[in-house]
Amino acid sequence: MTAVAMGGIATSPPLTLMRAGPFEVSAEWQGRGAATGFQHLTVNPPTGPADHVRHLFGADHRPAPRAAFPHPLKVLVEDRNGMTTTARTKVTFTVIGGKATFQGAGGGTVCREPIG
C-alpha cells in the first residue's frame, strides 16, 4: 500500500486485523530506501469467559484502626489469555482473619465495557 505524504505526514488507510497474534508493519520512503518499523503490534483474540483475577488497587492501604480505607479495593477480571472480561462477572471480596468488615454484602459486581 502506498500513501502520499501531505505536509510531511503519510497516513495509512485503516488496518484490517485478520487473525490473532503478533505482526509488524514497515513504512519505507521509496526515494532513498529509508524505513521505519512498527514493531510489537498484536491482534488480540476475542475475550473469553473469566478465568482469574489480578490485584489492581488497594493492597497498600494503611488506615488507623476503625477508620475506613480511603479508596475501595479493585481487581481486574481476566480471561485465560490475560484479556479483561467484557461480560458482567460477580466478584466476592472476603475478609480473612476477622480484622476488618465490609459495609454491605461484602461482594461486588465488576463490569468492563468493551473498547470500540
PDB file of N, CA and C in Angstrom:
ATOM      1  N   MET A   1       0.847  -1.154   0.000  1.00  0.00           N
ATOM      2  CA  MET A   1       0.000   0.000   0.000  1.00  0.00           C
ATOM      3  C   MET A   1       0.899   1.225   0.000  1.00  0.00           C
ATOM      4  N   THR A   2       0.650   2.181  -0.864  1.00  0.00           N
ATOM      5  CA  THR A   2       1.432   3.403  -0.949  1.00  0.00           C
ATOM      6  C   THR A   2       0.557   4.578  -0.551  1.00  0.00           C
ATOM      7  N   ALA A   3       1.093   5.470   0.279  1.00  0.00           N
ATOM      8  CA  ALA A   3       0.384   6.674   0.708  1.00  0.00           C
ATOM      9  C   ALA A   3       1.165   7.890   0.249  1.00  0.00           C
ATOM     10  N   VAL A   4       0.478   8.980   0.007  1.00  0.00           N
ATOM     11  CA  VAL A   4       1.124  10.224  -0.392  1.00  0.00           C
ATOM     12  C   VAL A   4       1.297  11.087   0.842  1.00  0.00           C
ATOM     13  N   ALA A   5       2.524  11.606   1.055  1.00  0.00           N
ATOM     14  CA  ALA A   5       2.794  12.468   2.201  1.00  0.00           C
ATOM     15  C   ALA A   5       2.233  13.857   1.939  1.00  0.00           C
ATOM     16  N   MET A   6       1.462  14.355   2.882  1.00  0.00           N
ATOM     17  CA  MET A   6       0.908  15.704   2.823  1.00  0.00           C
ATOM     18  C   MET A   6       1.422  16.456   4.037  1.00  0.00           C
ATOM     19  N   GLY A   7       2.111  17.562   3.831  1.00  0.00           N
ATOM     20  CA  GLY A   7       2.650  18.315   4.956  1.00  0.00           C
ATOM     21  C   GLY A   7       3.675  17.524   5.749  1.00  0.00           C
ATOM     22  N   GLY A   8       4.353  16.609   5.084  1.00  0.00           N
ATOM     23  CA  GLY A   8       5.383  15.814   5.748  1.00  0.00           C
ATOM     24  C   GLY A   8       4.867  14.581   6.459  1.00  0.00           C
ATOM     25  N   ILE A   9       3.557  14.304   6.397  1.00  0.00           N
ATOM     26  CA  ILE A   9       2.983  13.140   7.091  1.00  0.00           C
ATOM     27  C   ILE A   9       2.266  12.249   6.081  1.00  0.00           C
ATOM     28  N   ALA A  10       2.647  10.985   6.056  1.00  0.00           N
ATOM     29  CA  ALA A  10       1.953   9.992   5.234  1.00  0.00           C
ATOM     30  C   ALA A  10       1.097   9.145   6.166  1.00  0.00           C
ATOM     31  N   THR A  11      -0.163   8.979   5.840  1.00  0.00           N
ATOM     32  CA  THR A  11      -1.112   8.252   6.681  1.00  0.00           C
ATOM     33  C   THR A  11      -1.583   6.999   5.959  1.00  0.00           C
ATOM     34  N   SER A  12      -1.534   5.873   6.645  1.00  0.00           N
ATOM     35  CA  SER A  12      -2.019   4.634   6.045  1.00  0.00           C
ATOM     36  C   SER A  12      -3.541   4.622   6.070  1.00  0.00           C
ATOM     37  N   PRO A  13      -4.149   3.807   5.216  1.00  0.00           N
ATOM     38  CA  PRO A  13      -5.593   3.599   5.343  1.00  0.00           C
ATOM     39  C   PRO A  13      -5.855   2.750   6.580  1.00  0.00           C
ATOM     40  N   PRO A  14      -7.117   2.598   7.003  1.00  0.00           N
ATOM     41  CA  PRO A  14      -7.404   1.750   8.165  1.00  0.00           C
ATOM     42  C   PRO A  14      -6.823   0.349   7.983  1.00  0.00           C
ATOM     43  N   LEU A  15      -6.284  -0.189   9.049  1.00  0.00           N
ATOM     44  CA  LEU A  15      -5.653  -1.507   9.050  1.00  0.00           C
ATOM     45  C   LEU A  15      -6.694  -2.543   9.459  1.00  0.00           C
ATOM     46  N   THR A  16      -6.888  -3.572   8.643  1.00  0.00           N
ATOM     47  CA  THR A  16      -7.842  -4.630   8.953  1.00  0.00           C
ATOM     48  C   THR A  16      -7.113  -5.783   9.623  1.00  0.00           C
ATOM     49  N   LEU A  17      -7.555  -6.170  10.794  1.00  0.00           N
ATOM     50  CA  LEU A  17      -6.925  -7.242  11.562  1.00  0.00           C
ATOM     51  C   LEU A  17      -7.521  -8.573  11.119  1.00  0.00           C
ATOM     52  N   MET A  18      -6.672  -9.473  10.646  1.00  0.00           N
ATOM     53  CA  MET A  18      -7.141 -10.720  10.044  1.00  0.00           C
ATOM     54  C   MET A  18      -7.257 -11.876  11.025  1.00  0.00           C
ATOM     55  N   ARG A  19      -6.292 -12.009  11.943  1.00  0.00           N
ATOM     56  CA  ARG A  19      -6.350 -13.099  12.912  1.00  0.00           C
ATOM     57  C   ARG A  19      -5.470 -12.746  14.105  1.00  0.00           C
ATOM     58  N   ALA A  20      -5.674 -13.428  15.208  1.00  0.00           N
ATOM     59  CA  ALA A  20      -4.944 -13.154  16.446  1.00  0.00           C
ATOM     60  C   ALA A  20      -3.467 -13.469  16.304  1.00  0.00           C
ATOM     61  N   GLY A  21      -2.643 -12.673  16.980  1.00  0.00           N
ATOM     62  CA  GLY A  21      -1.216 -12.928  17.006  1.00  0.00           C
ATOM     63  C   GLY A  21      -0.399 -11.687  16.698  1.00  0.00           C
ATOM     64  N   PRO A  22       0.921 -11.787  16.891  1.00  0.00           N
ATOM     65  CA  PRO A  22       1.791 -10.638  16.649  1.00  0.00           C
ATOM     66  C   PRO A  22       2.041 -10.418  15.159  1.00  0.00           C
ATOM     67  N   PHE A  23       2.317  -9.167  14.797  1.00  0.00           N
ATOM     68  CA  PHE A  23       2.680  -8.841  13.430  1.00  0.00           C
ATOM     69  C   PHE A  23       3.461  -7.536  13.438  1.00  0.00           C
ATOM     70  N   GLU A  24       4.058  -7.187  12.309  1.00  0.00           N
ATOM     71  CA  GLU A  24       4.813  -5.951  12.171  1.00  0.00           C
ATOM     72  C   GLU A  24       4.381  -5.236  10.901  1.00  0.00           C
ATOM     73  N   VAL A  25       4.603  -3.930  10.859  1.00  0.00           N
ATOM     74  CA  VAL A  25       4.328  -3.113   9.688  1.00  0.00           C
ATOM     75  C   VAL A  25       5.565  -2.260   9.465  1.00  0.00           C
ATOM     76  N   SER A  26       5.951  -2.052   8.218  1.00  0.00           N
ATOM     77  CA  SER A  26       7.063  -1.147   7.940  1.00  0.00           C
ATOM     78  C   SER A  26       6.575  -0.019   7.041  1.00  0.00           C
ATOM     79  N   ALA A  27       7.231   1.120   7.155  1.00  0.00           N
ATOM     80  CA  ALA A  27       6.970   2.267   6.285  1.00  0.00           C
ATOM     81  C   ALA A  27       8.307   2.646   5.661  1.00  0.00           C
ATOM     82  N   GLU A  28       8.365   2.623   4.342  1.00  0.00           N
ATOM     83  CA  GLU A  28       9.632   2.870   3.647  1.00  0.00           C
ATOM     84  C   GLU A  28       9.473   4.052   2.705  1.00  0.00           C
ATOM     85  N   TRP A  29      10.439   4.932   2.744  1.00  0.00           N
ATOM     86  CA  TRP A  29      10.485   6.036   1.800  1.00  0.00           C
ATOM     87  C   TRP A  29      11.189   5.526   0.562  1.00  0.00           C
ATOM     88  N   GLN A  30      10.458   5.392  -0.515  1.00  0.00           N
ATOM     89  CA  GLN A  30      10.982   4.742  -1.708  1.00  0.00           C
ATOM     90  C   GLN A  30      12.097   5.530  -2.389  1.00  0.00           C
ATOM     91  N   GLY A  31      12.164   6.834  -2.174  1.00  0.00           N
ATOM     92  CA  GLY A  31      13.192   7.633  -2.820  1.00  0.00           C
ATOM     93  C   GLY A  31      14.597   7.316  -2.340  1.00  0.00           C
ATOM     94  N   ARG A  32      14.758   6.851  -1.094  1.00  0.00           N
ATOM     95  CA  ARG A  32      16.092   6.600  -0.564  1.00  0.00           C
ATOM     96  C   ARG A  32      16.222   5.240   0.122  1.00  0.00           C
ATOM     97  N   GLY A  33      15.170   4.522   0.224  1.00  0.00           N
ATOM     98  CA  GLY A  33      15.231   3.229   0.885  1.00  0.00           C
ATOM     99  C   GLY A  33      15.233   3.331   2.407  1.00  0.00           C
ATOM    100  N   ALA A  34      15.010   4.534   2.941  1.00  0.00           N
ATOM    101  CA  ALA A  34      14.940   4.698   4.398  1.00  0.00           C
ATOM    102  C   ALA A  34      13.608   4.130   4.893  1.00  0.00           C
ATOM    103  N   ALA A  35      13.627   3.430   6.007  1.00  0.00           N
ATOM    104  CA  ALA A  35      12.416   2.780   6.503  1.00  0.00           C
ATOM    105  C   ALA A  35      12.320   2.918   8.012  1.00  0.00           C
ATOM    106  N   THR A  36      11.119   2.795   8.496  1.00  0.00           N
ATOM    107  CA  THR A  36      10.873   2.711   9.929  1.00  0.00           C
ATOM    108  C   THR A  36       9.871   1.593  10.144  1.00  0.00           C
ATOM    109  N   GLY A  37       9.945   0.961  11.274  1.00  0.00           N
ATOM    110  CA  GLY A  37       9.057  -0.171  11.539  1.00  0.00           C
ATOM    111  C   GLY A  37       8.133   0.088  12.714  1.00  0.00           C
ATOM    112  N   PHE A  38       6.961  -0.485  12.642  1.00  0.00           N
ATOM    113  CA  PHE A  38       6.025  -0.518  13.759  1.00  0.00           C
ATOM    114  C   PHE A  38       6.095  -1.947  14.280  1.00  0.00           C
ATOM    115  N   GLN A  39       6.799  -2.149  15.387  1.00  0.00           N
ATOM    116  CA  GLN A  39       7.005  -3.495  15.911  1.00  0.00           C
ATOM    117  C   GLN A  39       6.106  -3.740  17.115  1.00  0.00           C
ATOM    118  N   HIS A  40       5.987  -4.988  17.487  1.00  0.00           N
ATOM    119  CA  HIS A  40       5.249  -5.426  18.665  1.00  0.00           C
ATOM    120  C   HIS A  40       3.760  -5.095  18.564  1.00  0.00           C
ATOM    121  N   LEU A  41       3.214  -5.113  17.373  1.00  0.00           N
ATOM    122  CA  LEU A  41       1.770  -4.967  17.196  1.00  0.00           C
ATOM    123  C   LEU A  41       1.154  -6.340  17.401  1.00  0.00           C
ATOM    124  N   THR A  42      -0.004  -6.392  18.023  1.00  0.00           N
ATOM    125  CA  THR A  42      -0.649  -7.672  18.284  1.00  0.00           C
ATOM    126  C   THR A  42      -2.140  -7.562  18.055  1.00  0.00           C
ATOM    127  N   VAL A  43      -2.686  -8.532  17.361  1.00  0.00           N
ATOM    128  CA  VAL A  43      -4.133  -8.658  17.236  1.00  0.00           C
ATOM    129  C   VAL A  43      -4.587  -9.512  18.405  1.00  0.00           C
ATOM    130  N   ASN A  44      -5.416  -8.948  19.262  1.00  0.00           N
ATOM    131  CA  ASN A  44      -5.891  -9.691  20.426  1.00  0.00           C
ATOM    132  C   ASN A  44      -7.029 -10.628  20.038  1.00  0.00           C
ATOM    133  N   PRO A  45      -7.043 -11.829  20.613  1.00  0.00           N
ATOM    134  CA  PRO A  45      -8.146 -12.742  20.343  1.00  0.00           C
ATOM    135  C   PRO A  45      -9.419 -12.222  21.006  1.00  0.00           C
ATOM    136  N   PRO A  46     -10.582 -12.707  20.572  1.00  0.00           N
ATOM    137  CA  PRO A  46     -11.816 -12.306  21.245  1.00  0.00           C
ATOM    138  C   PRO A  46     -11.739 -12.649  22.737  1.00  0.00           C
ATOM    139  N   THR A  47     -12.359 -11.821  23.560  1.00  0.00           N
ATOM    140  CA  THR A  47     -12.332 -12.046  25.002  1.00  0.00           C
ATOM    141  C   THR A  47     -13.151 -13.276  25.353  1.00  0.00           C
ATOM    142  N   GLY A  48     -12.572 -14.128  26.189  1.00  0.00           N
ATOM    143  CA  GLY A  48     -13.252 -15.338  26.636  1.00  0.00           C
ATOM    144  C   GLY A  48     -13.882 -15.143  28.007  1.00  0.00           C
ATOM    145  N   PRO A  49     -14.384 -16.215  28.592  1.00  0.00           N
ATOM    146  CA  PRO A  49     -15.002 -16.122  29.917  1.00  0.00           C
ATOM    147  C   PRO A  49     -13.944 -15.838  30.993  1.00  0.00           C
ATOM    148  N   ALA A  50     -14.398 -15.317  32.116  1.00  0.00           N
ATOM    149  CA  ALA A  50     -13.500 -15.015  33.232  1.00  0.00           C
ATOM    150  C   ALA A  50     -12.736 -16.263  33.646  1.00  0.00           C
ATOM    151  N   ASP A  51     -11.436 -16.086  33.893  1.00  0.00           N
ATOM    152  CA  ASP A  51     -10.584 -17.204  34.280  1.00  0.00           C
ATOM    153  C   ASP A  51      -9.839 -16.926  35.584  1.00  0.00           C
ATOM    154  N   HIS A  52      -9.454 -15.670  35.832  1.00  0.00           N
ATOM    155  CA  HIS A  52      -8.711 -15.327  37.044  1.00  0.00           C
ATOM    156  C   HIS A  52      -8.842 -13.827  37.335  1.00  0.00           C
ATOM    157  N   VAL A  53      -8.471 -13.447  38.547  1.00  0.00           N
ATOM    158  CA  VAL A  53      -8.453 -12.033  38.924  1.00  0.00           C
ATOM    159  C   VAL A  53      -7.028 -11.628  39.256  1.00  0.00           C
ATOM    160  N   ARG A  54      -6.766 -10.326  39.104  1.00  0.00           N
ATOM    161  CA  ARG A  54      -5.439  -9.793  39.374  1.00  0.00           C
ATOM    162  C   ARG A  54      -5.601  -8.504  40.172  1.00  0.00           C
ATOM    163  N   HIS A  55      -4.755  -8.333  41.195  1.00  0.00           N
ATOM    164  CA  HIS A  55      -4.778  -7.130  42.020  1.00  0.00           C
ATOM    165  C   HIS A  55      -4.623  -5.895  41.140  1.00  0.00           C
ATOM    166  N   LEU A  56      -5.464  -4.908  41.355  1.00  0.00           N
ATOM    167  CA  LEU A  56      -5.376  -3.677  40.595  1.00  0.00           C
ATOM    168  C   LEU A  56      -5.105  -2.484  41.513  1.00  0.00           C
ATOM    169  N   PHE A  57      -5.804  -2.425  42.656  1.00  0.00           N
ATOM    170  CA  PHE A  57      -5.654  -1.274  43.532  1.00  0.00           C
ATOM    171  C   PHE A  57      -6.062  -1.633  44.956  1.00  0.00           C
ATOM    172  N   GLY A  58      -5.299  -1.146  45.931  1.00  0.00           N
ATOM    173  CA  GLY A  58      -5.717  -1.236  47.322  1.00  0.00           C
ATOM    174  C   GLY A  58      -4.834  -2.026  48.251  1.00  0.00           C
ATOM    175  N   ALA A  59      -3.815  -2.708  47.765  1.00  0.00           N
ATOM    176  CA  ALA A  59      -3.014  -3.574  48.631  1.00  0.00           C
ATOM    177  C   ALA A  59      -2.180  -2.792  49.641  1.00  0.00           C
ATOM    178  N   ASP A  60      -1.896  -1.539  49.388  1.00  0.00           N
ATOM    179  CA  ASP A  60      -1.017  -0.782  50.271  1.00  0.00           C
ATOM    180  C   ASP A  60      -1.742   0.196  51.190  1.00  0.00           C
ATOM    181  N   HIS A  61      -3.046   0.040  51.346  1.00  0.00           N
ATOM    182  CA  HIS A  61      -3.778   0.902  52.291  1.00  0.00           C
ATOM    183  C   HIS A  61      -3.298   0.637  53.710  1.00  0.00           C
ATOM    184  N   ARG A  62      -3.156   1.675  54.524  1.00  0.00           N
ATOM    185  CA  ARG A  62      -2.745   1.534  55.921  1.00  0.00           C
ATOM    186  C   ARG A  62      -3.496   2.521  56.812  1.00  0.00           C
ATOM    187  N   PRO A  63      -4.828   2.425  56.858  1.00  0.00           N
ATOM    188  CA  PRO A  63      -5.578   3.345  57.718  1.00  0.00           C
ATOM    189  C   PRO A  63      -5.455   2.956  59.195  1.00  0.00           C
ATOM    190  N   ALA A  64      -5.815   3.893  60.062  1.00  0.00           N
ATOM    191  CA  ALA A  64      -5.814   3.636  61.506  1.00  0.00           C
ATOM    192  C   ALA A  64      -6.958   2.692  61.853  1.00  0.00           C
ATOM    193  N   PRO A  65      -6.884   2.017  63.031  1.00  0.00           N
ATOM    194  CA  PRO A  65      -7.997   1.155  63.456  1.00  0.00           C
ATOM    195  C   PRO A  65      -9.318   1.920  63.473  1.00  0.00           C
ATOM    196  N   ARG A  66     -10.381   1.252  63.054  1.00  0.00           N
ATOM    197  CA  ARG A  66     -11.748   1.760  62.974  1.00  0.00           C
ATOM    198  C   ARG A  66     -11.927   2.851  61.909  1.00  0.00           C
ATOM    199  N   ALA A  67     -10.927   3.098  61.119  1.00  0.00           N
ATOM    200  CA  ALA A  67     -11.039   4.053  60.017  1.00  0.00           C
ATOM    201  C   ALA A  67     -11.321   3.295  58.725  1.00  0.00           C
ATOM    202  N   ALA A  68     -12.038   3.933  57.851  1.00  0.00           N
ATOM    203  CA  ALA A  68     -12.338   3.322  56.552  1.00  0.00           C
ATOM    204  C   ALA A  68     -11.150   3.490  55.612  1.00  0.00           C
ATOM    205  N   PHE A  69     -10.990   2.530  54.703  1.00  0.00           N
ATOM    206  CA  PHE A  69      -9.972   2.685  53.665  1.00  0.00           C
ATOM    207  C   PHE A  69     -10.344   3.912  52.830  1.00  0.00           C
ATOM    208  N   PRO A  70      -9.368   4.679  52.376  1.00  0.00           N
ATOM    209  CA  PRO A  70      -9.694   5.872  51.606  1.00  0.00           C
ATOM    210  C   PRO A  70     -10.260   5.570  50.219  1.00  0.00           C
ATOM    211  N   HIS A  71      -9.970   4.396  49.694  1.00  0.00           N
ATOM    212  CA  HIS A  71     -10.454   4.007  48.369  1.00  0.00           C
ATOM    213  C   HIS A  71     -10.823   2.529  48.393  1.00  0.00           C
ATOM    214  N   PRO A  72     -11.794   2.109  47.587  1.00  0.00           N
ATOM    215  CA  PRO A  72     -12.167   0.695  47.563  1.00  0.00           C
ATOM    216  C   PRO A  72     -11.073  -0.178  46.942  1.00  0.00           C
ATOM    217  N   LEU A  73     -11.087  -1.451  47.307  1.00  0.00           N
ATOM    218  CA  LEU A  73     -10.188  -2.432  46.698  1.00  0.00           C
ATOM    219  C   LEU A  73     -10.683  -2.720  45.286  1.00  0.00           C
ATOM    220  N   LYS A  74      -9.751  -2.975  44.365  1.00  0.00           N
ATOM    221  CA  LYS A  74     -10.140  -3.275  42.983  1.00  0.00           C
ATOM    222  C   LYS A  74      -9.291  -4.413  42.453  1.00  0.00           C
ATOM    223  N   VAL A  75      -9.922  -5.306  41.696  1.00  0.00           N
ATOM    224  CA  VAL A  75      -9.220  -6.369  40.983  1.00  0.00           C
ATOM    225  C   VAL A  75      -9.628  -6.303  39.519  1.00  0.00           C
ATOM    226  N   LEU A  76      -8.784  -6.822  38.672  1.00  0.00           N
ATOM    227  CA  LEU A  76      -9.059  -6.903  37.254  1.00  0.00           C
ATOM    228  C   LEU A  76      -9.435  -8.340  36.945  1.00  0.00           C
ATOM    229  N   VAL A  77     -10.561  -8.549  36.301  1.00  0.00           N
ATOM    230  CA  VAL A  77     -11.025  -9.887  35.939  1.00  0.00           C
ATOM    231  C   VAL A  77     -10.587 -10.162  34.505  1.00  0.00           C
ATOM    232  N   GLU A  78      -9.809 -11.237  34.322  1.00  0.00           N
ATOM    233  CA  GLU A  78      -9.242 -11.537  33.012  1.00  0.00           C
ATOM    234  C   GLU A  78      -9.622 -12.935  32.536  1.00  0.00           C
ATOM    235  N   ASP A  79      -9.569 -13.123  31.219  1.00  0.00           N
ATOM    236  CA  ASP A  79      -9.772 -14.456  30.652  1.00  0.00           C
ATOM    237  C   ASP A  79      -8.440 -15.204  30.661  1.00  0.00           C
ATOM    238  N   ARG A  80      -8.390 -16.397  30.124  1.00  0.00           N
ATOM    239  CA  ARG A  80      -7.165 -17.206  30.186  1.00  0.00           C
ATOM    240  C   ARG A  80      -6.021 -16.617  29.369  1.00  0.00           C
ATOM    241  N   ASN A  81      -6.324 -15.670  28.451  1.00  0.00           N
ATOM    242  CA  ASN A  81      -5.288 -15.020  27.652  1.00  0.00           C
ATOM    243  C   ASN A  81      -4.817 -13.699  28.251  1.00  0.00           C
ATOM    244  N   GLY A  82      -5.315 -13.356  29.452  1.00  0.00           N
ATOM    245  CA  GLY A  82      -4.925 -12.101  30.080  1.00  0.00           C
ATOM    246  C   GLY A  82      -5.702 -10.896  29.591  1.00  0.00           C
ATOM    247  N   MET A  83      -6.778 -11.117  28.835  1.00  0.00           N
ATOM    248  CA  MET A  83      -7.632 -10.021  28.363  1.00  0.00           C
ATOM    249  C   MET A  83      -8.707  -9.757  29.415  1.00  0.00           C
ATOM    250  N   THR A  84      -8.996  -8.484  29.677  1.00  0.00           N
ATOM    251  CA  THR A  84     -10.034  -8.186  30.659  1.00  0.00           C
ATOM    252  C   THR A  84     -11.390  -8.600  30.105  1.00  0.00           C
ATOM    253  N   THR A  85     -12.236  -9.116  31.000  1.00  0.00           N
ATOM    254  CA  THR A  85     -13.535  -9.617  30.580  1.00  0.00           C
ATOM    255  C   THR A  85     -14.435  -8.486  30.123  1.00  0.00           C
ATOM    256  N   THR A  86     -15.354  -8.794  29.240  1.00  0.00           N
ATOM    257  CA  THR A  86     -16.304  -7.805  28.762  1.00  0.00           C
ATOM    258  C   THR A  86     -17.699  -8.062  29.332  1.00  0.00           C
ATOM    259  N   ALA A  87     -17.912  -9.208  29.943  1.00  0.00           N
ATOM    260  CA  ALA A  87     -19.221  -9.541  30.497  1.00  0.00           C
ATOM    261  C   ALA A  87     -19.261  -9.208  31.989  1.00  0.00           C
ATOM    262  N   ARG A  88     -20.451  -9.013  32.510  1.00  0.00           N
ATOM    263  CA  ARG A  88     -20.607  -8.790  33.948  1.00  0.00           C
ATOM    264  C   ARG A  88     -20.203 -10.065  34.670  1.00  0.00           C
ATOM    265  N   THR A  89     -19.360  -9.924  35.685  1.00  0.00           N
ATOM    266  CA  THR A  89     -18.841 -11.059  36.429  1.00  0.00           C
ATOM    267  C   THR A  89     -18.916 -10.752  37.906  1.00  0.00           C
ATOM    268  N   LYS A  90     -19.516 -11.623  38.685  1.00  0.00           N
ATOM    269  CA  LYS A  90     -19.614 -11.399  40.125  1.00  0.00           C
ATOM    270  C   LYS A  90     -18.285 -11.734  40.791  1.00  0.00           C
ATOM    271  N   VAL A  91     -17.784 -10.800  41.582  1.00  0.00           N
ATOM    272  CA  VAL A  91     -16.545 -10.976  42.335  1.00  0.00           C
ATOM    273  C   VAL A  91     -16.879 -10.757  43.797  1.00  0.00           C
ATOM    274  N   THR A  92     -16.544 -11.715  44.654  1.00  0.00           N
ATOM    275  CA  THR A  92     -16.816 -11.595  46.086  1.00  0.00           C
ATOM    276  C   THR A  92     -15.528 -11.326  46.832  1.00  0.00           C
ATOM    277  N   PHE A  93     -15.503 -10.222  47.570  1.00  0.00           N
ATOM    278  CA  PHE A  93     -14.375  -9.867  48.420  1.00  0.00           C
ATOM    279  C   PHE A  93     -14.672 -10.414  49.809  1.00  0.00           C
ATOM    280  N   THR A  94     -13.741 -11.145  50.392  1.00  0.00           N
ATOM    281  CA  THR A  94     -13.930 -11.768  51.698  1.00  0.00           C
ATOM    282  C   THR A  94     -12.788 -11.394  52.620  1.00  0.00           C
ATOM    283  N   VAL A  95     -13.122 -10.933  53.827  1.00  0.00           N
ATOM    284  CA  VAL A  95     -12.101 -10.627  54.834  1.00  0.00           C
ATOM    285  C   VAL A  95     -11.647 -11.934  55.462  1.00  0.00           C
ATOM    286  N   ILE A  96     -10.343 -12.149  55.494  1.00  0.00           N
ATOM    287  CA  ILE A  96      -9.776 -13.350  56.107  1.00  0.00           C
ATOM    288  C   ILE A  96      -9.106 -12.934  57.409  1.00  0.00           C
ATOM    289  N   GLY A  97      -9.450 -13.574  58.485  1.00  0.00           N
ATOM    290  CA  GLY A  97      -8.831 -13.264  59.769  1.00  0.00           C
ATOM    291  C   GLY A  97      -9.675 -12.400  60.680  1.00  0.00           C
ATOM    292  N   GLY A  98     -10.796 -11.879  60.196  1.00  0.00           N
ATOM    293  CA  GLY A  98     -11.722 -11.154  61.056  1.00  0.00           C
ATOM    294  C   GLY A  98     -11.255  -9.802  61.567  1.00  0.00           C
ATOM    295  N   LYS A  99     -10.255  -9.180  60.960  1.00  0.00           N
ATOM    296  CA  LYS A  99      -9.752  -7.905  61.467  1.00  0.00           C
ATOM    297  C   LYS A  99     -10.348  -6.699  60.748  1.00  0.00           C
ATOM    298  N   ALA A 100     -11.302  -6.935  59.867  1.00  0.00           N
ATOM    299  CA  ALA A 100     -11.969  -5.851  59.143  1.00  0.00           C
ATOM    300  C   ALA A 100     -13.346  -6.334  58.712  1.00  0.00           C
ATOM    301  N   THR A 101     -14.191  -5.419  58.344  1.00  0.00           N
ATOM    302  CA  THR A 101     -15.518  -5.760  57.827  1.00  0.00           C
ATOM    303  C   THR A 101     -15.827  -4.885  56.623  1.00  0.00           C
ATOM    304  N   PHE A 102     -16.614  -5.434  55.711  1.00  0.00           N
ATOM    305  CA  PHE A 102     -17.087  -4.651  54.570  1.00  0.00           C
ATOM    306  C   PHE A 102     -18.441  -4.068  54.918  1.00  0.00           C
ATOM    307  N   GLN A 103     -18.726  -2.892  54.431  1.00  0.00           N
ATOM    308  CA  GLN A 103     -20.071  -2.349  54.546  1.00  0.00           C
ATOM    309  C   GLN A 103     -20.918  -3.036  53.490  1.00  0.00           C
ATOM    310  N   GLY A 104     -22.114  -3.415  53.812  1.00  0.00           N
ATOM    311  CA  GLY A 104     -22.976  -4.073  52.843  1.00  0.00           C
ATOM    312  C   GLY A 104     -22.708  -5.580  52.780  1.00  0.00           C
ATOM    313  N   ALA A 105     -22.852  -6.142  51.592  1.00  0.00           N
ATOM    314  CA  ALA A 105     -22.802  -7.586  51.416  1.00  0.00           C
ATOM    315  C   ALA A 105     -21.387  -8.153  51.346  1.00  0.00           C
ATOM    316  N   GLY A 106     -20.377  -7.321  51.206  1.00  0.00           N
ATOM    317  CA  GLY A 106     -19.018  -7.841  51.132  1.00  0.00           C
ATOM    318  C   GLY A 106     -18.657  -8.424  49.786  1.00  0.00           C
ATOM    319  N   GLY A 107     -19.413  -8.103  48.793  1.00  0.00           N
ATOM    320  CA  GLY A 107     -19.115  -8.569  47.446  1.00  0.00           C
ATOM    321  C   GLY A 107     -19.365  -7.467  46.464  1.00  0.00           C
ATOM    322  N   GLY A 108     -19.086  -7.714  45.238  1.00  0.00           N
ATOM    323  CA  GLY A 108     -19.305  -6.691  44.227  1.00  0.00           C
ATOM    324  C   GLY A 108     -19.405  -7.294  42.867  1.00  0.00           C
ATOM    325  N   THR A 109     -19.915  -6.534  41.929  1.00  0.00           N
ATOM    326  CA  THR A 109     -20.003  -6.969  40.540  1.00  0.00           C
ATOM    327  C   THR A 109     -19.148  -6.047  39.709  1.00  0.00           C
ATOM    328  N   VAL A 110     -18.284  -6.642  38.913  1.00  0.00           N
ATOM    329  CA  VAL A 110     -17.429  -5.850  38.044  1.00  0.00           C
ATOM    330  C   VAL A 110     -17.947  -5.950  36.625  1.00  0.00           C
ATOM    331  N   CYS A 111     -17.913  -4.862  35.912  1.00  0.00           N
ATOM    332  CA  CYS A 111     -18.312  -4.875  34.517  1.00  0.00           C
ATOM    333  C   CYS A 111     -17.366  -3.987  33.748  1.00  0.00           C
ATOM    334  N   ARG A 112     -16.666  -4.547  32.828  1.00  0.00           N
ATOM    335  CA  ARG A 112     -15.774  -3.770  31.971  1.00  0.00           C
ATOM    336  C   ARG A 112     -16.443  -3.671  30.615  1.00  0.00           C
ATOM    337  N   GLU A 113     -16.666  -2.458  30.168  1.00  0.00           N
ATOM    338  CA  GLU A 113     -17.305  -2.256  28.873  1.00  0.00           C
ATOM    339  C   GLU A 113     -16.294  -2.530  27.766  1.00  0.00           C
ATOM    340  N   PRO A 114     -16.726  -3.151  26.663  1.00  0.00           N
ATOM    341  CA  PRO A 114     -15.801  -3.399  25.572  1.00  0.00           C
ATOM    342  C   PRO A 114     -15.273  -2.083  24.988  1.00  0.00           C
ATOM    343  N   ILE A 115     -14.048  -2.106  24.533  1.00  0.00           N
ATOM    344  CA  ILE A 115     -13.463  -0.926  23.904  1.00  0.00           C
ATOM    345  C   ILE A 115     -13.828  -0.947  22.435  1.00  0.00           C
ATOM    346  N   GLY A 116     -14.235   0.204  21.911  1.00  0.00           N
ATOM    347  CA  GLY A 116     -14.518   0.268  20.488  1.00  0.00           C
ATOM    348  C   GLY A 116     -15.780   0.919  20.144  1.00  0.00           C
TER     349      GLY A 116
END
